[in-house]
Amino acid sequence: MYTATISESVFEVQKSKDQWLVGQEVQDWQLTKVRERHYHLLHQNQSFKVELIQIDEESKTVILKLNNKLAEIQLKDKFDLLLEKLGMNFSKGTAPQDLKAPMPGLIFDIKVMEGDAVKKGDALLVLEAMKMENILKSPSDGVVKSIKIKKGESVEKNQVLIQF
């Protein structure tokens, strides 16, 4: 399942065999490629010209023209939705405000200090949970403002660990 956000409207989208479900409704689309990045869409006896303007795989956004009107579509897959549910979703280009514990556990190690500049993907700390060591990484570039936990401390799910 995916969610698609268009102009702040959110739709659940699923592909099932050769059908598309938007919400709970089966959509009967006929999409034909006209030329590179240009398509013809037939839906409910209506004809639409579709031009693919840009695909940004990192931010999972698609910009297209639908009958010469621009539309930006933000896509989220099941992993994005899970991260959002755990409070670990950060938009591209925005610095996180805090890093929260994705699950209860024990702080095994802290890899940064207050004032450290971090890059996206840098290891911040190690959380031991369910007998596994989980390395929590920086979701974006930023500067560590404060560390709210200590090595050896037990934490709860969604507890703030590090503020940026």
Protein backbone atom coordinates (compact mmCIF):
# COMPACT_ATOMS: atom_id res chain seq x y z
CA MET A 1 0.00 0.00 0.00
CA TYR A 2 1.07 3.56 -0.69
CA THR A 3 -0.28 6.94 0.21
CA ALA A 4 -0.30 9.74 -2.33
CA THR A 5 -0.64 13.36 -1.22
CA ILE A 6 -1.88 15.87 -3.78
CA SER A 7 -2.65 19.44 -2.66
CA GLU A 8 -2.90 18.28 0.97
CA SER A 9 -5.44 15.57 0.07
CA VAL A 10 -4.22 12.10 1.06
CA PHE A 11 -5.23 8.98 -0.86
CA GLU A 12 -4.50 5.33 -0.09
CA VAL A 13 -3.34 3.61 -3.26
CA GLN A 14 -2.91 -0.14 -3.83
CA LYS A 15 -2.05 -2.20 -6.88
CA SER A 16 -3.75 -5.56 -7.01
CA LYS A 17 -2.86 -7.72 -10.03
CA ASP A 18 -3.90 -5.51 -12.96
CA GLN A 19 -6.17 -3.18 -10.95
CA TRP A 20 -5.54 0.01 -8.99
CA LEU A 21 -7.48 0.75 -5.81
CA VAL A 22 -7.75 4.36 -4.67
CA GLY A 23 -9.39 4.31 -1.27
CA GLN A 24 -11.66 1.31 -1.68
CA GLU A 25 -12.67 2.05 -5.28
CA VAL A 26 -11.30 0.15 -8.27
CA GLN A 27 -10.00 2.58 -10.86
CA ASP A 28 -10.34 1.77 -14.54
CA TRP A 29 -7.48 3.66 -16.20
CA GLN A 30 -6.09 3.34 -19.66
CA LEU A 31 -2.66 4.92 -19.89
CA THR A 32 -0.93 5.14 -23.26
CA LYS A 33 2.55 6.50 -23.88
CA VAL A 34 2.47 9.14 -26.62
CA ARG A 35 6.18 10.00 -26.59
CA GLU A 36 8.97 10.39 -24.04
CA ARG A 37 7.45 11.78 -20.78
CA HIS A 38 4.03 12.36 -22.44
CA TYR A 39 1.00 10.13 -21.90
CA HIS A 40 -2.68 9.94 -22.68
CA LEU A 41 -4.96 8.89 -19.80
CA LEU A 42 -8.52 7.74 -20.28
CA HIS A 43 -10.57 7.55 -17.07
CA GLN A 44 -14.38 7.34 -16.83
CA ASN A 45 -14.74 8.38 -20.48
CA GLN A 46 -12.65 11.50 -19.88
CA SER A 47 -9.42 12.18 -21.72
CA PHE A 48 -6.37 13.68 -19.99
CA LYS A 49 -2.97 14.79 -21.28
CA VAL A 50 -0.23 13.87 -18.80
CA GLU A 51 3.31 15.19 -18.98
CA LEU A 52 5.91 13.92 -16.55
CA ILE A 53 7.94 16.96 -15.46
CA GLN A 54 10.17 15.61 -12.68
CA ILE A 55 10.71 12.55 -10.51
CA ASP A 56 12.72 12.97 -7.32
CA GLU A 57 13.41 9.48 -6.01
CA GLU A 58 15.06 10.69 -2.80
CA SER A 59 12.09 12.75 -1.63
CA LYS A 60 9.61 10.45 -3.44
CA THR A 61 7.86 13.27 -5.25
CA VAL A 62 6.52 13.39 -8.77
CA ILE A 63 5.69 16.62 -10.58
CA LEU A 64 3.45 16.34 -13.60
CA LYS A 65 1.14 18.37 -15.76
CA LEU A 66 -2.39 17.09 -16.00
CA ASN A 67 -4.16 18.91 -18.84
CA ASN A 68 -1.52 21.68 -18.52
CA LYS A 69 -2.07 22.13 -14.75
CA LEU A 70 0.88 21.39 -12.49
CA ALA A 71 0.42 18.75 -9.80
CA GLU A 72 2.93 17.60 -7.22
CA ILE A 73 2.43 14.13 -5.80
CA GLN A 74 4.19 13.01 -2.61
CA LEU A 75 4.37 9.21 -2.35
CA LYS A 76 4.91 7.16 0.81
CA ASP A 77 5.39 3.41 0.88
CA LYS A 78 4.83 1.07 3.83
CA PHE A 79 8.31 1.83 5.22
CA ASP A 80 7.74 5.61 5.12
CA LEU A 81 4.41 5.12 6.88
CA LEU A 82 6.06 2.95 9.56
CA LEU A 83 8.81 5.54 10.18
CA GLU A 84 6.13 8.23 10.42
CA LYS A 85 4.20 6.14 12.93
CA LEU A 86 7.39 5.73 15.00
CA GLY A 87 7.94 9.50 14.96
CA MET A 88 11.04 9.24 12.76
CA ASN A 89 9.87 10.99 9.60
CA PHE A 90 11.87 14.00 8.48
CA SER A 91 11.22 15.87 5.24
CA LYS A 92 14.10 16.44 2.88
CA GLY A 93 15.76 19.76 3.53
CA THR A 94 14.38 20.23 7.01
CA ALA A 95 16.49 19.62 10.05
CA PRO A 96 15.01 17.30 12.65
CA GLN A 97 13.97 18.85 15.95
CA ASP A 98 14.53 15.68 17.98
CA LEU A 99 15.45 12.03 17.63
CA LYS A 100 12.99 9.78 19.46
CA ALA A 101 13.37 6.18 20.57
CA PRO A 102 11.68 3.92 18.00
CA MET A 103 11.18 1.26 20.70
CA PRO A 104 11.87 0.74 24.40
CA GLY A 105 15.44 -0.26 25.19
CA LEU A 106 18.75 0.51 26.86
CA ILE A 107 21.22 3.17 25.68
CA PHE A 108 24.30 1.06 24.93
CA ASP A 109 26.52 3.83 23.51
CA ILE A 110 26.34 7.51 22.51
CA LYS A 111 28.47 8.42 19.48
CA VAL A 112 28.06 12.23 19.52
CA MET A 113 28.41 15.15 21.91
CA GLU A 114 26.45 18.37 22.26
CA GLY A 115 27.59 20.87 19.65
CA ASP A 116 28.70 18.20 17.15
CA ALA A 117 27.79 18.79 13.51
CA VAL A 118 26.32 15.65 11.97
CA LYS A 119 25.59 14.62 8.41
CA LYS A 120 22.67 12.53 7.23
CA GLY A 121 23.41 8.88 7.99
CA ASP A 122 25.97 9.51 10.77
CA ALA A 123 25.66 7.14 13.74
CA LEU A 124 24.26 9.00 16.75
CA LEU A 125 23.78 6.27 19.33
CA VAL A 126 23.33 2.55 19.89
CA LEU A 127 20.04 1.37 21.39
CA GLU A 128 19.90 -2.17 22.72
CA ALA A 129 16.42 -3.63 22.36
CA MET A 130 15.23 -7.23 22.26
CA LYS A 131 18.86 -8.44 22.63
CA MET A 132 19.88 -6.56 19.46
CA GLU A 133 22.03 -3.47 19.07
CA ASN A 134 20.31 -0.87 16.87
CA ILE A 135 22.37 2.01 15.51
CA LEU A 136 20.22 5.14 15.30
CA LYS A 137 21.46 7.45 12.55
CA SER A 138 20.96 11.09 11.78
CA PRO A 139 18.02 11.54 9.39
CA SER A 140 19.53 14.78 8.00
CA ASP A 141 22.35 17.27 8.43
CA GLY A 142 22.29 19.29 11.65
CA VAL A 143 23.97 20.24 14.91
CA VAL A 144 23.37 18.35 18.16
CA LYS A 145 21.70 20.85 20.49
CA SER A 146 21.26 18.61 23.54
CA ILE A 147 21.50 14.96 24.54
CA LYS A 148 18.61 13.96 26.80
CA ILE A 149 19.89 10.51 27.82
CA LYS A 150 22.97 8.87 29.34
CA LYS A 151 24.80 5.65 28.54
CA GLY A 152 23.19 2.74 30.42
CA GLU A 153 19.82 4.49 30.78
CA SER A 154 16.55 2.72 29.94
CA VAL A 155 14.26 4.56 27.52
CA GLU A 156 10.64 4.24 26.44
CA LYS A 157 9.21 4.33 22.93
CA ASN A 158 8.97 7.90 21.55
CA GLN A 159 11.13 9.31 24.35
CA VAL A 160 13.25 12.22 23.11
CA LEU A 161 16.89 11.13 22.96
CA ILE A 162 18.66 13.92 21.08
CA GLN A 163 17.52 17.42 20.14
CA PHE A 164 18.89 19.25 17.09
